[in-house]
Amino acid sequence: MEVLMRRYRFHIGVILLTLLVMRLIEISGNVDHAEPRYMFLTVTDFEAGISYRQAQLHAPIGQLTNPCSYADHFTATIDWNDGTGEHKPDTNIEKKMLQTVPVVENGTYLFWDDEHISSGAGAHIATTKVLVHCVGDPAPEREYTYRNLVTVYSRVPVNQVEFTKNGKSVNSVKGHDVVDLTITLDAPAPPSGSWVKLEVRPPGNLNSLPPFVRVSPLATQETIPNLELRRPSADMEVLVTASTVGRAQESQKLTVTP
């Protein structure tokens, strides 16, 4: 109960901080909603201390738009305003030749920033910027910026990891049988969800176990179903370690028989 109360107070604090940041932005005029959103984040809730790439989730985090029929200069950058500086994210933009000039066609594209790791929890502004020059327009290129409100949440420790079958704990199975793996957190996952790192010992004995599993936003538990166990030549024991922050948790030892 004490842990749940601490998590509740933390979420209330983040909400209040977010509202304060939004109000300050409104007062200072830092976000100009009249300016076109030619590049913006579609993911604004992040988990501290882990990147999408670490979690093996190569998912786009934003969109960018080329407003020109053809652009002979089109550059997208992002600055998380966390000291890492402005840099170019990965995009799915493909240039084509217009006569002898490489151009970007009109359209909406996606971008990624897999290596970015959010540090401390709280609300802050991430600035996305597009520099664009349309073919046939006079110099220089036009600049469009957008200030995205981002919330970073603290990671939640793992409370328990357990081999289960039909919702009940299991201690012994035969090789080639399947089991479920149930992960329980200390408290509900934040709105970003919570990525849990998984390792099996001995390695290679639990087919299709992912290196990370995501506990859904605001959930305390996630189950990975139908994990097949390798058939051994003699009885052996398998266990799984699950971790986010703090002490890693080990499952019960599961005896696998031939």
C-alpha atoms as a PDB file:
ATOM      1  CA  MET A   1       0.000   0.000   0.000  1.00  0.00           C
ATOM      2  CA  GLU A   2       2.840   2.380   0.841  1.00  0.00           C
ATOM      3  CA  VAL A   3       4.449   1.718  -2.579  1.00  0.00           C
ATOM      4  CA  LEU A   4       1.133   2.371  -4.339  1.00  0.00           C
ATOM      5  CA  MET A   5       0.705   5.644  -2.439  1.00  0.00           C
ATOM      6  CA  ARG A   6       4.225   6.735  -3.451  1.00  0.00           C
ATOM      7  CA  ARG A   7       3.464   5.937  -7.095  1.00  0.00           C
ATOM      8  CA  TYR A   8       0.151   7.818  -6.834  1.00  0.00           C
ATOM      9  CA  ARG A   9       1.871  10.877  -5.402  1.00  0.00           C
ATOM     10  CA  PHE A  10       4.553  10.689  -8.116  1.00  0.00           C
ATOM     11  CA  HIS A  11       1.946  10.590 -10.934  1.00  0.00           C
ATOM     12  CA  ILE A  12       0.055  13.505  -9.370  1.00  0.00           C
ATOM     13  CA  GLY A  13       3.349  15.416  -9.190  1.00  0.00           C
ATOM     14  CA  VAL A  14       4.122  14.724 -12.859  1.00  0.00           C
ATOM     15  CA  ILE A  15       0.623  15.830 -13.880  1.00  0.00           C
ATOM     16  CA  LEU A  16       0.949  19.071 -11.917  1.00  0.00           C
ATOM     17  CA  LEU A  17       4.413  19.699 -13.362  1.00  0.00           C
ATOM     18  CA  THR A  18       3.096  19.057 -16.873  1.00  0.00           C
ATOM     19  CA  LEU A  19       0.254  21.519 -16.353  1.00  0.00           C
ATOM     20  CA  LEU A  20       2.726  24.089 -15.022  1.00  0.00           C
ATOM     21  CA  VAL A  21       5.015  23.667 -18.051  1.00  0.00           C
ATOM     22  CA  MET A  22       2.066  23.972 -20.424  1.00  0.00           C
ATOM     23  CA  ARG A  23       0.941  27.156 -18.649  1.00  0.00           C
ATOM     24  CA  LEU A  24       4.425  28.675 -18.785  1.00  0.00           C
ATOM     25  CA  ILE A  25       4.640  27.870 -22.489  1.00  0.00           C
ATOM     26  CA  GLU A  26       1.260  29.497 -23.063  1.00  0.00           C
ATOM     27  CA  ILE A  27       2.295  32.611 -21.152  1.00  0.00           C
ATOM     28  CA  SER A  28       5.685  32.955 -22.839  1.00  0.00           C
ATOM     29  CA  GLY A  29       4.328  32.175 -26.302  1.00  0.00           C
ATOM     30  CA  ASN A  30       6.977  29.483 -26.897  1.00  0.00           C
ATOM     31  CA  VAL A  31       4.547  27.215 -28.744  1.00  0.00           C
ATOM     32  CA  ASP A  32       3.094  28.847 -31.803  1.00  0.00           C
ATOM     33  CA  HIS A  33       0.142  26.655 -32.741  1.00  0.00           C
ATOM     34  CA  ALA A  34      -0.527  28.895 -35.763  1.00  0.00           C
ATOM     35  CA  GLU A  35       2.731  27.687 -37.302  1.00  0.00           C
ATOM     36  CA  PRO A  36       2.334  24.523 -39.383  1.00  0.00           C
ATOM     37  CA  ARG A  37       3.363  21.320 -37.625  1.00  0.00           C
ATOM     38  CA  TYR A  38       5.701  20.101 -40.352  1.00  0.00           C
ATOM     39  CA  MET A  39       7.596  17.967 -37.802  1.00  0.00           C
ATOM     40  CA  PHE A  40       6.209  16.777 -34.480  1.00  0.00           C
ATOM     41  CA  LEU A  41       6.343  13.891 -32.006  1.00  0.00           C
ATOM     42  CA  THR A  42       3.554  11.312 -32.062  1.00  0.00           C
ATOM     43  CA  VAL A  43       5.017   9.663 -28.937  1.00  0.00           C
ATOM     44  CA  THR A  44       5.289  12.018 -25.976  1.00  0.00           C
ATOM     45  CA  ASP A  45       5.379   9.624 -22.980  1.00  0.00           C
ATOM     46  CA  PHE A  46       8.780   8.030 -22.371  1.00  0.00           C
ATOM     47  CA  GLU A  47      10.361   5.781 -19.763  1.00  0.00           C
ATOM     48  CA  ALA A  48      13.576   6.983 -18.156  1.00  0.00           C
ATOM     49  CA  GLY A  49      16.822   5.110 -18.685  1.00  0.00           C
ATOM     50  CA  ILE A  50      15.971   3.000 -21.731  1.00  0.00           C
ATOM     51  CA  SER A  51      15.790   3.566 -25.477  1.00  0.00           C
ATOM     52  CA  TYR A  52      13.432   2.043 -28.024  1.00  0.00           C
ATOM     53  CA  ARG A  53      16.403   0.288 -29.617  1.00  0.00           C
ATOM     54  CA  GLN A  54      17.362  -1.357 -26.310  1.00  0.00           C
ATOM     55  CA  ALA A  55      13.847  -2.709 -26.065  1.00  0.00           C
ATOM     56  CA  GLN A  56      14.001  -4.041 -29.650  1.00  0.00           C
ATOM     57  CA  LEU A  57      11.093  -1.835 -30.694  1.00  0.00           C
ATOM     58  CA  HIS A  58      11.969   0.025 -33.878  1.00  0.00           C
ATOM     59  CA  ALA A  59       8.805   2.122 -33.855  1.00  0.00           C
ATOM     60  CA  PRO A  60       8.451   5.636 -35.266  1.00  0.00           C
ATOM     61  CA  ILE A  61       8.081   8.416 -32.713  1.00  0.00           C
ATOM     62  CA  GLY A  62       7.005  11.227 -35.017  1.00  0.00           C
ATOM     63  CA  GLN A  63       5.934  12.571 -38.381  1.00  0.00           C
ATOM     64  CA  LEU A  64       7.340  15.181 -40.722  1.00  0.00           C
ATOM     65  CA  THR A  65       5.769  16.732 -43.805  1.00  0.00           C
ATOM     66  CA  ASN A  66       7.282  18.177 -46.960  1.00  0.00           C
ATOM     67  CA  PRO A  67       4.898  20.985 -48.020  1.00  0.00           C
ATOM     68  CA  CYS A  68       6.600  21.493 -51.412  1.00  0.00           C
ATOM     69  CA  SER A  69       5.743  19.673 -54.593  1.00  0.00           C
ATOM     70  CA  TYR A  70       9.493  19.005 -54.696  1.00  0.00           C
ATOM     71  CA  ALA A  71      12.107  20.140 -52.183  1.00  0.00           C
ATOM     72  CA  ASP A  72      15.772  20.385 -53.166  1.00  0.00           C
ATOM     73  CA  HIS A  73      16.675  20.972 -49.519  1.00  0.00           C
ATOM     74  CA  PHE A  74      14.845  19.156 -46.731  1.00  0.00           C
ATOM     75  CA  THR A  75      16.533  18.660 -43.349  1.00  0.00           C
ATOM     76  CA  ALA A  76      14.897  17.464 -40.125  1.00  0.00           C
ATOM     77  CA  THR A  77      16.432  17.774 -36.648  1.00  0.00           C
ATOM     78  CA  ILE A  78      15.365  17.204 -33.046  1.00  0.00           C
ATOM     79  CA  ASP A  79      16.663  18.676 -29.802  1.00  0.00           C
ATOM     80  CA  TRP A  80      15.453  16.947 -26.632  1.00  0.00           C
ATOM     81  CA  ASN A  81      16.753  19.901 -24.586  1.00  0.00           C
ATOM     82  CA  ASP A  82      18.482  17.503 -22.195  1.00  0.00           C
ATOM     83  CA  GLY A  83      22.069  18.409 -23.044  1.00  0.00           C
ATOM     84  CA  THR A  84      22.489  15.904 -25.894  1.00  0.00           C
ATOM     85  CA  GLY A  85      22.150  18.662 -28.506  1.00  0.00           C
ATOM     86  CA  GLU A  86      20.407  18.996 -31.838  1.00  0.00           C
ATOM     87  CA  HIS A  87      20.832  16.082 -34.232  1.00  0.00           C
ATOM     88  CA  LYS A  88      19.247  14.394 -37.236  1.00  0.00           C
ATOM     89  CA  PRO A  89      16.914  11.483 -36.457  1.00  0.00           C
ATOM     90  CA  ASP A  90      16.493   8.531 -38.808  1.00  0.00           C
ATOM     91  CA  THR A  91      13.715   8.999 -41.379  1.00  0.00           C
ATOM     92  CA  ASN A  92      12.134   7.034 -44.217  1.00  0.00           C
ATOM     93  CA  ILE A  93      12.697   9.866 -46.702  1.00  0.00           C
ATOM     94  CA  GLU A  94      13.886   8.741 -50.124  1.00  0.00           C
ATOM     95  CA  LYS A  95      15.267  11.253 -52.597  1.00  0.00           C
ATOM     96  CA  LYS A  96      14.459  11.073 -56.289  1.00  0.00           C
ATOM     97  CA  MET A  97      16.028  12.774 -59.289  1.00  0.00           C
ATOM     98  CA  LEU A  98      14.187  15.687 -60.852  1.00  0.00           C
ATOM     99  CA  GLN A  99      16.167  16.106 -64.059  1.00  0.00           C
ATOM    100  CA  THR A 100      19.670  16.419 -62.532  1.00  0.00           C
ATOM    101  CA  VAL A 101      18.630  17.533 -59.016  1.00  0.00           C
ATOM    102  CA  PRO A 102      17.977  15.141 -56.080  1.00  0.00           C
ATOM    103  CA  VAL A 103      14.647  16.120 -54.494  1.00  0.00           C
ATOM    104  CA  VAL A 104      12.184  15.043 -51.831  1.00  0.00           C
ATOM    105  CA  GLU A 105       8.608  14.658 -53.037  1.00  0.00           C
ATOM    106  CA  ASN A 106       5.617  16.176 -51.297  1.00  0.00           C
ATOM    107  CA  GLY A 107       4.223  13.947 -48.551  1.00  0.00           C
ATOM    108  CA  THR A 108       4.274  12.826 -44.934  1.00  0.00           C
ATOM    109  CA  TYR A 109       7.193  10.805 -43.611  1.00  0.00           C
ATOM    110  CA  LEU A 110       8.141   9.072 -40.352  1.00  0.00           C
ATOM    111  CA  PHE A 111      11.141   9.522 -38.092  1.00  0.00           C
ATOM    112  CA  TRP A 112      12.914   7.516 -35.392  1.00  0.00           C
ATOM    113  CA  ASP A 113      15.444   8.295 -32.675  1.00  0.00           C
ATOM    114  CA  ASP A 114      16.273   4.823 -31.399  1.00  0.00           C
ATOM    115  CA  GLU A 115      19.447   5.711 -29.545  1.00  0.00           C
ATOM    116  CA  HIS A 116      17.945   8.496 -27.460  1.00  0.00           C
ATOM    117  CA  ILE A 117      17.653   7.709 -23.748  1.00  0.00           C
ATOM    118  CA  SER A 118      15.611   9.979 -21.498  1.00  0.00           C
ATOM    119  CA  SER A 119      17.360  10.609 -18.190  1.00  0.00           C
ATOM    120  CA  GLY A 120      15.493  12.182 -15.281  1.00  0.00           C
ATOM    121  CA  ALA A 121      11.731  12.004 -14.838  1.00  0.00           C
ATOM    122  CA  GLY A 122       9.569  15.067 -15.408  1.00  0.00           C
ATOM    123  CA  ALA A 123       8.052  17.252 -18.118  1.00  0.00           C
ATOM    124  CA  HIS A 124      10.126  19.204 -20.625  1.00  0.00           C
ATOM    125  CA  ILE A 125      10.109  20.545 -24.176  1.00  0.00           C
ATOM    126  CA  ALA A 126      11.597  18.723 -27.182  1.00  0.00           C
ATOM    127  CA  THR A 127      12.100  20.964 -30.216  1.00  0.00           C
ATOM    128  CA  THR A 128      11.616  19.545 -33.706  1.00  0.00           C
ATOM    129  CA  LYS A 129      12.763  21.600 -36.708  1.00  0.00           C
ATOM    130  CA  VAL A 130      12.503  21.355 -40.492  1.00  0.00           C
ATOM    131  CA  LEU A 131      14.572  23.378 -42.956  1.00  0.00           C
ATOM    132  CA  VAL A 132      12.980  23.245 -46.403  1.00  0.00           C
ATOM    133  CA  HIS A 133      13.496  24.880 -49.797  1.00  0.00           C
ATOM    134  CA  CYS A 134      11.008  24.265 -52.575  1.00  0.00           C
ATOM    135  CA  VAL A 135      12.261  23.851 -56.122  1.00  0.00           C
ATOM    136  CA  GLY A 136      11.815  27.161 -57.977  1.00  0.00           C
ATOM    137  CA  ASP A 137      11.492  29.308 -54.832  1.00  0.00           C
ATOM    138  CA  PRO A 138      13.978  32.103 -54.088  1.00  0.00           C
ATOM    139  CA  ALA A 139      16.635  31.526 -51.427  1.00  0.00           C
ATOM    140  CA  PRO A 140      16.950  30.988 -48.517  1.00  0.00           C
ATOM    141  CA  GLU A 141      15.225  27.874 -47.166  1.00  0.00           C
ATOM    142  CA  ARG A 142      12.317  28.229 -44.742  1.00  0.00           C
ATOM    143  CA  GLU A 143      12.532  27.097 -41.109  1.00  0.00           C
ATOM    144  CA  TYR A 144       9.642  25.545 -39.190  1.00  0.00           C
ATOM    145  CA  THR A 145       9.979  24.630 -35.516  1.00  0.00           C
ATOM    146  CA  TYR A 146       7.586  22.976 -33.122  1.00  0.00           C
ATOM    147  CA  ARG A 147       7.964  22.620 -29.371  1.00  0.00           C
ATOM    148  CA  ASN A 148       6.625  19.283 -28.162  1.00  0.00           C
ATOM    149  CA  LEU A 149       5.649  18.719 -24.535  1.00  0.00           C
ATOM    150  CA  VAL A 150       7.306  15.463 -23.415  1.00  0.00           C
ATOM    151  CA  THR A 151       6.801  13.587 -20.138  1.00  0.00           C
ATOM    152  CA  VAL A 152       9.433  11.155 -18.841  1.00  0.00           C
ATOM    153  CA  TYR A 153       8.418   8.639 -16.177  1.00  0.00           C
ATOM    154  CA  SER A 154      10.536   6.744 -13.662  1.00  0.00           C
ATOM    155  CA  ARG A 155      10.864   3.000 -14.199  1.00  0.00           C
ATOM    156  CA  VAL A 156       8.980   0.663 -11.869  1.00  0.00           C
ATOM    157  CA  PRO A 157      10.836  -2.236 -10.159  1.00  0.00           C
ATOM    158  CA  VAL A 158       9.853  -5.834 -10.841  1.00  0.00           C
ATOM    159  CA  ASN A 159       8.120  -7.515  -7.916  1.00  0.00           C
ATOM    160  CA  GLN A 160       7.840 -11.079  -9.238  1.00  0.00           C
ATOM    161  CA  VAL A 161       8.416 -13.239 -12.303  1.00  0.00           C
ATOM    162  CA  GLU A 162       6.750 -16.629 -12.387  1.00  0.00           C
ATOM    163  CA  PHE A 163       6.206 -19.626 -14.664  1.00  0.00           C
ATOM    164  CA  THR A 164       2.467 -20.211 -14.937  1.00  0.00           C
ATOM    165  CA  LYS A 165      -0.021 -22.410 -16.744  1.00  0.00           C
ATOM    166  CA  ASN A 166      -3.731 -21.636 -16.908  1.00  0.00           C
ATOM    167  CA  GLY A 167      -3.082 -18.785 -14.502  1.00  0.00           C
ATOM    168  CA  LYS A 168      -1.473 -20.967 -11.823  1.00  0.00           C
ATOM    169  CA  SER A 169       2.150 -21.380 -10.774  1.00  0.00           C
ATOM    170  CA  VAL A 170       3.879 -24.433 -12.249  1.00  0.00           C
ATOM    171  CA  ASN A 171       7.112 -26.149 -11.170  1.00  0.00           C
ATOM    172  CA  SER A 172       7.545 -29.016 -13.648  1.00  0.00           C
ATOM    173  CA  VAL A 173       6.790 -29.626 -17.336  1.00  0.00           C
ATOM    174  CA  LYS A 174       7.908 -31.940 -20.118  1.00  0.00           C
ATOM    175  CA  GLY A 175      10.219 -30.853 -22.904  1.00  0.00           C
ATOM    176  CA  HIS A 176       8.413 -29.340 -25.901  1.00  0.00           C
ATOM    177  CA  ASP A 177       5.517 -28.369 -23.624  1.00  0.00           C
ATOM    178  CA  VAL A 178       4.574 -24.697 -23.385  1.00  0.00           C
ATOM    179  CA  VAL A 179       4.345 -22.447 -20.341  1.00  0.00           C
ATOM    180  CA  ASP A 180       3.400 -18.844 -19.703  1.00  0.00           C
ATOM    181  CA  LEU A 181       5.634 -16.303 -18.000  1.00  0.00           C
ATOM    182  CA  THR A 182       3.892 -13.782 -15.741  1.00  0.00           C
ATOM    183  CA  ILE A 183       5.686 -10.575 -14.729  1.00  0.00           C
ATOM    184  CA  THR A 184       4.375  -8.448 -11.858  1.00  0.00           C
ATOM    185  CA  LEU A 185       5.594  -4.920 -11.080  1.00  0.00           C
ATOM    186  CA  ASP A 186       5.779  -3.225  -7.679  1.00  0.00           C
ATOM    187  CA  ALA A 187       3.175  -0.691  -8.855  1.00  0.00           C
ATOM    188  CA  PRO A 188       1.216   0.163 -12.021  1.00  0.00           C
ATOM    189  CA  ALA A 189       3.343   0.932 -15.072  1.00  0.00           C
ATOM    190  CA  PRO A 190       3.441   4.620 -16.082  1.00  0.00           C
ATOM    191  CA  PRO A 191       1.595   5.942 -19.175  1.00  0.00           C
ATOM    192  CA  SER A 192       4.731   5.128 -21.199  1.00  0.00           C
ATOM    193  CA  GLY A 193       4.470   1.455 -20.243  1.00  0.00           C
ATOM    194  CA  SER A 194       7.395  -0.301 -18.582  1.00  0.00           C
ATOM    195  CA  TRP A 195      10.022  -2.334 -20.436  1.00  0.00           C
ATOM    196  CA  VAL A 196      11.285  -5.393 -18.530  1.00  0.00           C
ATOM    197  CA  LYS A 197      14.557  -7.104 -19.477  1.00  0.00           C
ATOM    198  CA  LEU A 198      14.410 -10.914 -19.510  1.00  0.00           C
ATOM    199  CA  GLU A 199      17.179 -13.508 -19.366  1.00  0.00           C
ATOM    200  CA  VAL A 200      16.848 -17.294 -19.238  1.00  0.00           C
ATOM    201  CA  ARG A 201      19.326 -19.587 -17.509  1.00  0.00           C
ATOM    202  CA  PRO A 202      20.726 -21.782 -18.902  1.00  0.00           C
ATOM    203  CA  PRO A 203      20.589 -19.747 -22.126  1.00  0.00           C
ATOM    204  CA  GLY A 204      18.741 -21.111 -25.152  1.00  0.00           C
ATOM    205  CA  ASN A 205      16.344 -23.378 -23.288  1.00  0.00           C
ATOM    206  CA  LEU A 206      13.206 -21.302 -23.626  1.00  0.00           C
ATOM    207  CA  ASN A 207      12.237 -20.807 -27.241  1.00  0.00           C
ATOM    208  CA  SER A 208      10.731 -17.476 -28.343  1.00  0.00           C
ATOM    209  CA  LEU A 209      11.431 -15.631 -25.082  1.00  0.00           C
ATOM    210  CA  PRO A 210      11.967 -11.981 -26.115  1.00  0.00           C
ATOM    211  CA  PRO A 211      14.865 -10.004 -24.605  1.00  0.00           C
ATOM    212  CA  PHE A 212      12.371  -7.363 -23.420  1.00  0.00           C
ATOM    213  CA  VAL A 213       8.648  -7.374 -22.726  1.00  0.00           C
ATOM    214  CA  ARG A 214       6.487  -4.287 -22.242  1.00  0.00           C
ATOM    215  CA  VAL A 215       4.077  -4.091 -19.339  1.00  0.00           C
ATOM    216  CA  SER A 216       1.143  -2.108 -20.700  1.00  0.00           C
ATOM    217  CA  PRO A 217       0.485   1.446 -19.466  1.00  0.00           C
ATOM    218  CA  LEU A 218      -1.121   1.538 -15.996  1.00  0.00           C
ATOM    219  CA  ALA A 219      -1.010  -2.279 -15.722  1.00  0.00           C
ATOM    220  CA  THR A 220       0.828  -4.083 -12.923  1.00  0.00           C
ATOM    221  CA  GLN A 221       1.153  -7.414 -14.705  1.00  0.00           C
ATOM    222  CA  GLU A 222       1.966  -8.825 -18.127  1.00  0.00           C
ATOM    223  CA  THR A 223       1.908 -12.468 -19.281  1.00  0.00           C
ATOM    224  CA  ILE A 224       3.904 -13.899 -22.178  1.00  0.00           C
ATOM    225  CA  PRO A 225       1.932 -16.963 -23.344  1.00  0.00           C
ATOM    226  CA  ASN A 226       2.911 -20.271 -24.919  1.00  0.00           C
ATOM    227  CA  LEU A 227       6.685 -20.335 -24.478  1.00  0.00           C
ATOM    228  CA  GLU A 228       8.023 -23.678 -25.676  1.00  0.00           C
ATOM    229  CA  LEU A 229      10.713 -25.428 -23.661  1.00  0.00           C
ATOM    230  CA  ARG A 230      13.536 -27.287 -25.318  1.00  0.00           C
ATOM    231  CA  ARG A 231      13.470 -31.041 -24.669  1.00  0.00           C
ATOM    232  CA  PRO A 232      16.507 -32.124 -22.589  1.00  0.00           C
ATOM    233  CA  SER A 233      18.221 -35.516 -22.525  1.00  0.00           C
ATOM    234  CA  ALA A 234      17.846 -35.594 -18.714  1.00  0.00           C
ATOM    235  CA  ASP A 235      15.972 -33.578 -16.089  1.00  0.00           C
ATOM    236  CA  MET A 236      17.147 -29.979 -15.967  1.00  0.00           C
ATOM    237  CA  GLU A 237      16.164 -26.741 -14.222  1.00  0.00           C
ATOM    238  CA  VAL A 238      15.360 -23.470 -15.984  1.00  0.00           C
ATOM    239  CA  LEU A 239      14.767 -20.048 -14.475  1.00  0.00           C
ATOM    240  CA  VAL A 240      14.163 -16.530 -15.810  1.00  0.00           C
ATOM    241  CA  THR A 241      15.532 -13.248 -14.461  1.00  0.00           C
ATOM    242  CA  ALA A 242      13.442 -10.093 -14.918  1.00  0.00           C
ATOM    243  CA  SER A 243      14.701  -6.554 -14.253  1.00  0.00           C
ATOM    244  CA  THR A 244      13.969  -2.861 -14.745  1.00  0.00           C
ATOM    245  CA  VAL A 245      15.621  -0.874 -11.942  1.00  0.00           C
ATOM    246  CA  GLY A 246      16.688  -2.041  -8.520  1.00  0.00           C
ATOM    247  CA  ARG A 247      17.260  -5.692  -7.729  1.00  0.00           C
ATOM    248  CA  ALA A 248      16.515  -8.216 -10.475  1.00  0.00           C
ATOM    249  CA  GLN A 249      13.907 -10.868  -9.656  1.00  0.00           C
ATOM    250  CA  GLU A 250      14.256 -14.579 -10.377  1.00  0.00           C
ATOM    251  CA  SER A 251      11.445 -16.978 -11.209  1.00  0.00           C
ATOM    252  CA  GLN A 252      11.009 -20.297  -9.465  1.00  0.00           C
ATOM    253  CA  LYS A 253      13.174 -23.100 -10.828  1.00  0.00           C
ATOM    254  CA  LEU A 254      11.198 -24.948 -13.473  1.00  0.00           C
ATOM    255  CA  THR A 255      12.101 -28.625 -13.834  1.00  0.00           C
ATOM    256  CA  VAL A 256      12.001 -29.791 -17.458  1.00  0.00           C
ATOM    257  CA  THR A 257      11.803 -33.551 -18.008  1.00  0.00           C
ATOM    258  CA  PRO A 258      12.566 -35.465 -21.235  1.00  0.00           C
END
